[in-house]
Amino acid sequence: MQNKTKFIIFIISVIIIVVGIGLFTGSKVGAPSKFDDFAKALKSEGSVFYGAFWCTHCQDQKAEFGSAKQYLPYVECANPDSTQKQICKDNQIEGYPTWTFKDGIKLSSNSIPTICPINIEGIKQEGLCVNISSKFYRVWTFPEYNFSIKSPIDPIKEGNVWQFTANAQAVGAIPQSFLAEQINFVLP
C-alpha cells in the first residue's frame, strides 16, 4: 500500500511538472517580438525590402527582426532557378538587400561621398565604382555607411543632411537604426 501511494504521488508530481513546463514554454511561443511594431510600421509607411533567398545579407537582415520578420514588407526577387522575378526587374533592383522608402531617403553626413556615374556600356568604372555601379542610377557612397544609395536624381543637401527622392534605393547591409530613421520610428 505504501509503494502504491508513493507511485501515485510520483505520477502526479511528474504530471504537474510536465504541465508546468508546457505552460511556461508555450506562453513564449505566441509572445510578440519587440520588433513586431517596427516591422509593421515599415510596411505601413510604404517601405519595401527587396531580397533573394540565396542572399546572406538578406538572411542576416531578416534574422535581426527575429519572429517579427513575418511582418516585414519583403519582396522575394529570385525565382527557384535564381533568375530575377519580373517585379524586381520592373523596379530596377540590381543588388540585395535593397530598401525603398515612400518619402525617399534621408541621411546625415559631413563627409564627401563617392559618386559613381551610371554604368554605360563601354565606359570603364574605377575604384569603388567597379563593384557598385548601376546601369540605371548614379550611386552615392558615404564613408560612415556600409551601404550605398542609388538615385536617378541628385539629392538635395542642406547642412549635413542629404535628401534623396522617393525612387532612390538603399542597397547593402542596412542597420535597423537607419531603417527606423527613414520612417521616424523610435526603436524599442
Protein backbone atom coordinates (compact mmCIF):
# COMPACT_ATOMS: atom_id res chain seq x y z
CA MET A 1 0.00 0.00 0.00
CA GLN A 2 2.81 2.39 0.86
CA ASN A 3 4.54 1.70 -2.50
CA LYS A 4 1.27 2.33 -4.34
CA THR A 5 0.85 5.73 -2.61
CA LYS A 6 4.45 6.71 -3.43
CA PHE A 7 3.88 5.69 -7.05
CA ILE A 8 0.68 7.79 -7.30
CA ILE A 9 2.43 10.80 -5.74
CA PHE A 10 5.32 10.34 -8.17
CA ILE A 11 2.98 10.21 -11.20
CA ILE A 12 1.03 13.29 -10.03
CA SER A 13 4.33 15.16 -9.48
CA VAL A 14 5.54 14.28 -12.98
CA ILE A 15 2.23 15.42 -14.49
CA ILE A 16 2.38 18.73 -12.60
CA ILE A 17 5.97 19.32 -13.71
CA VAL A 18 5.24 18.47 -17.35
CA VAL A 19 2.12 20.66 -17.43
CA GLY A 20 4.02 23.49 -15.73
CA ILE A 21 6.87 23.32 -18.23
CA GLY A 22 4.37 23.16 -21.09
CA LEU A 23 2.54 26.23 -19.86
CA PHE A 24 5.78 28.13 -19.27
CA THR A 25 7.33 27.40 -22.67
CA GLY A 26 4.03 27.56 -24.50
CA SER A 27 3.41 31.12 -23.34
CA LYS A 28 6.63 32.21 -25.04
CA VAL A 29 5.79 30.79 -28.47
CA GLY A 30 2.99 33.22 -29.28
CA ALA A 31 4.53 36.19 -27.47
CA PRO A 32 5.03 39.28 -29.59
CA SER A 33 8.55 40.24 -30.59
CA LYS A 34 9.96 43.60 -29.54
CA PHE A 35 10.29 44.34 -33.29
CA ASP A 36 6.70 43.50 -34.33
CA ASP A 37 5.58 47.14 -34.28
CA PHE A 38 8.72 48.25 -36.10
CA ALA A 39 8.32 45.71 -38.91
CA LYS A 40 4.62 46.56 -39.22
CA ALA A 41 5.45 50.29 -39.31
CA LEU A 42 7.97 49.78 -42.11
CA LYS A 43 5.23 48.14 -44.14
CA SER A 44 2.50 50.66 -43.30
CA GLU A 45 4.84 53.55 -44.11
CA GLY A 46 5.36 52.24 -47.65
CA SER A 47 8.87 50.84 -47.28
CA VAL A 48 9.83 47.84 -49.41
CA PHE A 49 12.58 45.30 -48.73
CA TYR A 50 13.74 43.52 -51.89
CA GLY A 51 15.81 40.41 -51.39
CA ALA A 52 16.74 36.97 -52.66
CA PHE A 53 16.60 33.62 -50.88
CA TRP A 54 20.28 32.98 -51.62
CA CYS A 55 21.42 36.41 -50.32
CA THR A 56 23.24 36.07 -46.98
CA HIS A 57 22.86 39.81 -46.20
CA CYS A 58 19.10 39.45 -46.72
CA GLN A 59 19.01 36.47 -44.36
CA ASP A 60 21.00 38.47 -41.79
CA GLN A 61 18.63 41.43 -42.17
CA LYS A 62 15.59 39.20 -41.57
CA ALA A 63 17.30 37.49 -38.61
CA GLU A 64 17.74 40.88 -36.88
CA PHE A 65 13.95 41.09 -36.70
CA GLY A 66 13.55 37.61 -35.18
CA SER A 67 9.95 36.42 -35.29
CA ALA A 68 8.85 39.90 -36.48
CA LYS A 69 10.37 39.13 -39.89
CA GLN A 70 6.93 37.81 -40.86
CA TYR A 71 5.68 41.43 -40.87
CA LEU A 72 8.47 42.89 -43.00
CA PRO A 73 7.49 44.38 -46.36
CA TYR A 74 9.62 41.75 -48.09
CA VAL A 75 9.58 41.08 -51.84
CA GLU A 76 11.37 37.91 -53.00
CA CYS A 77 13.26 38.75 -56.19
CA ALA A 78 14.71 35.32 -57.03
CA ASN A 79 12.96 32.54 -58.89
CA PRO A 80 13.82 28.96 -57.83
CA ASP A 81 16.44 28.88 -60.62
CA SER A 82 17.99 32.11 -59.19
CA THR A 83 16.85 34.26 -62.14
CA GLN A 84 15.27 37.57 -61.22
CA LYS A 85 11.49 37.92 -60.93
CA GLN A 86 9.75 40.43 -63.17
CA ILE A 87 8.62 42.68 -60.29
CA CYS A 88 12.25 43.30 -59.37
CA LYS A 89 13.27 43.88 -62.98
CA ASP A 90 10.43 46.40 -63.29
CA ASN A 91 11.69 48.20 -60.17
CA GLN A 92 15.29 48.13 -61.44
CA ILE A 93 16.58 46.18 -58.44
CA GLU A 94 20.21 45.30 -59.10
CA GLY A 95 21.51 44.16 -55.72
CA TYR A 96 20.32 42.71 -52.43
CA PRO A 97 19.16 43.67 -49.96
CA THR A 98 17.57 46.81 -51.43
CA TRP A 99 15.23 49.05 -49.45
CA THR A 100 12.98 51.77 -50.83
CA PHE A 101 11.02 54.32 -48.83
CA LYS A 102 7.85 56.14 -49.81
CA ASP A 103 9.26 59.54 -48.77
CA GLY A 104 12.76 58.97 -50.12
CA ILE A 105 15.98 58.51 -48.19
CA LYS A 106 17.46 60.99 -45.76
CA LEU A 107 20.88 60.63 -44.23
CA SER A 108 23.30 62.77 -42.29
CA SER A 109 26.91 63.03 -43.31
CA ASN A 110 29.67 65.60 -43.08
CA SER A 111 31.77 63.50 -45.46
CA ILE A 112 32.22 63.94 -49.16
CA PRO A 113 30.56 60.93 -50.82
CA THR A 114 31.97 58.92 -53.67
CA ILE A 115 29.61 59.33 -56.60
CA CYS A 116 29.65 56.62 -59.23
CA PRO A 117 28.28 57.57 -62.64
CA ILE A 118 25.69 55.45 -64.42
CA ASN A 119 27.43 52.38 -65.77
CA ILE A 120 27.28 52.92 -69.51
CA GLU A 121 28.46 50.01 -71.61
CA GLY A 122 32.00 50.56 -72.85
CA ILE A 123 32.94 53.11 -70.18
CA LYS A 124 35.31 51.68 -67.59
CA GLN A 125 34.46 52.23 -63.92
CA GLU A 126 37.30 52.76 -61.45
CA GLY A 127 37.94 52.29 -57.75
CA LEU A 128 34.94 51.64 -55.56
CA CYS A 129 32.60 52.14 -58.52
CA VAL A 130 33.80 48.94 -60.22
CA ASN A 131 31.76 46.84 -57.77
CA ILE A 132 28.77 49.07 -57.05
CA SER A 133 27.96 50.95 -60.23
CA SER A 134 24.45 50.78 -61.67
CA LYS A 135 23.14 50.73 -65.21
CA PHE A 136 20.11 52.80 -64.09
CA TYR A 137 21.30 55.17 -61.36
CA ARG A 138 24.16 57.23 -60.03
CA VAL A 139 25.44 55.57 -56.88
CA TRP A 140 26.35 57.51 -53.76
CA THR A 141 28.52 56.04 -51.00
CA PHE A 142 29.35 57.77 -47.75
CA PRO A 143 32.39 56.61 -45.74
CA GLU A 144 30.44 56.22 -42.49
CA TYR A 145 27.77 53.97 -44.03
CA ASN A 146 28.25 50.35 -45.11
CA PHE A 147 25.71 50.62 -47.89
CA SER A 148 25.11 52.76 -50.95
CA ILE A 149 22.28 54.91 -52.28
CA LYS A 150 21.17 54.57 -55.89
CA SER A 151 19.30 57.56 -57.23
CA PRO A 152 18.28 58.78 -60.67
CA ILE A 153 18.29 62.37 -59.35
CA ASP A 154 20.97 64.14 -57.32
CA PRO A 155 19.99 64.66 -53.68
CA ILE A 156 19.25 67.99 -52.06
CA LYS A 157 21.85 68.84 -49.43
CA GLU A 158 21.01 71.12 -46.52
CA GLY A 159 23.81 71.37 -43.99
CA ASN A 160 24.90 67.81 -43.36
CA VAL A 161 21.55 66.26 -44.41
CA TRP A 162 21.24 64.63 -47.81
CA GLN A 163 17.67 64.08 -49.05
CA PHE A 164 17.19 61.61 -51.91
CA THR A 165 13.93 61.30 -53.86
CA ALA A 166 11.29 58.61 -53.33
CA ASN A 167 12.62 56.46 -56.17
CA ALA A 168 16.07 56.16 -54.57
CA GLN A 169 17.26 52.81 -53.23
CA ALA A 170 19.41 51.92 -50.21
CA VAL A 171 21.48 48.86 -51.13
CA GLY A 172 23.53 46.68 -48.80
CA ALA A 173 23.54 45.81 -45.11
CA ILE A 174 21.18 48.44 -43.71
CA PRO A 175 21.20 48.86 -39.91
CA GLN A 176 17.85 48.87 -38.11
CA SER A 177 18.64 52.31 -36.71
CA PHE A 178 18.83 53.70 -40.26
CA LEU A 179 15.58 51.97 -41.27
CA ALA A 180 13.89 53.46 -38.21
CA GLU A 181 15.16 56.97 -39.05
CA GLN A 182 13.63 56.75 -42.52
CA ILE A 183 10.12 56.32 -41.11
CA ASN A 184 10.61 58.35 -37.91
CA PHE A 185 10.21 55.29 -35.71
CA VAL A 186 11.68 55.01 -32.22
CA LEU A 187 13.27 51.59 -31.77
CA PRO A 188 12.47 49.59 -28.63
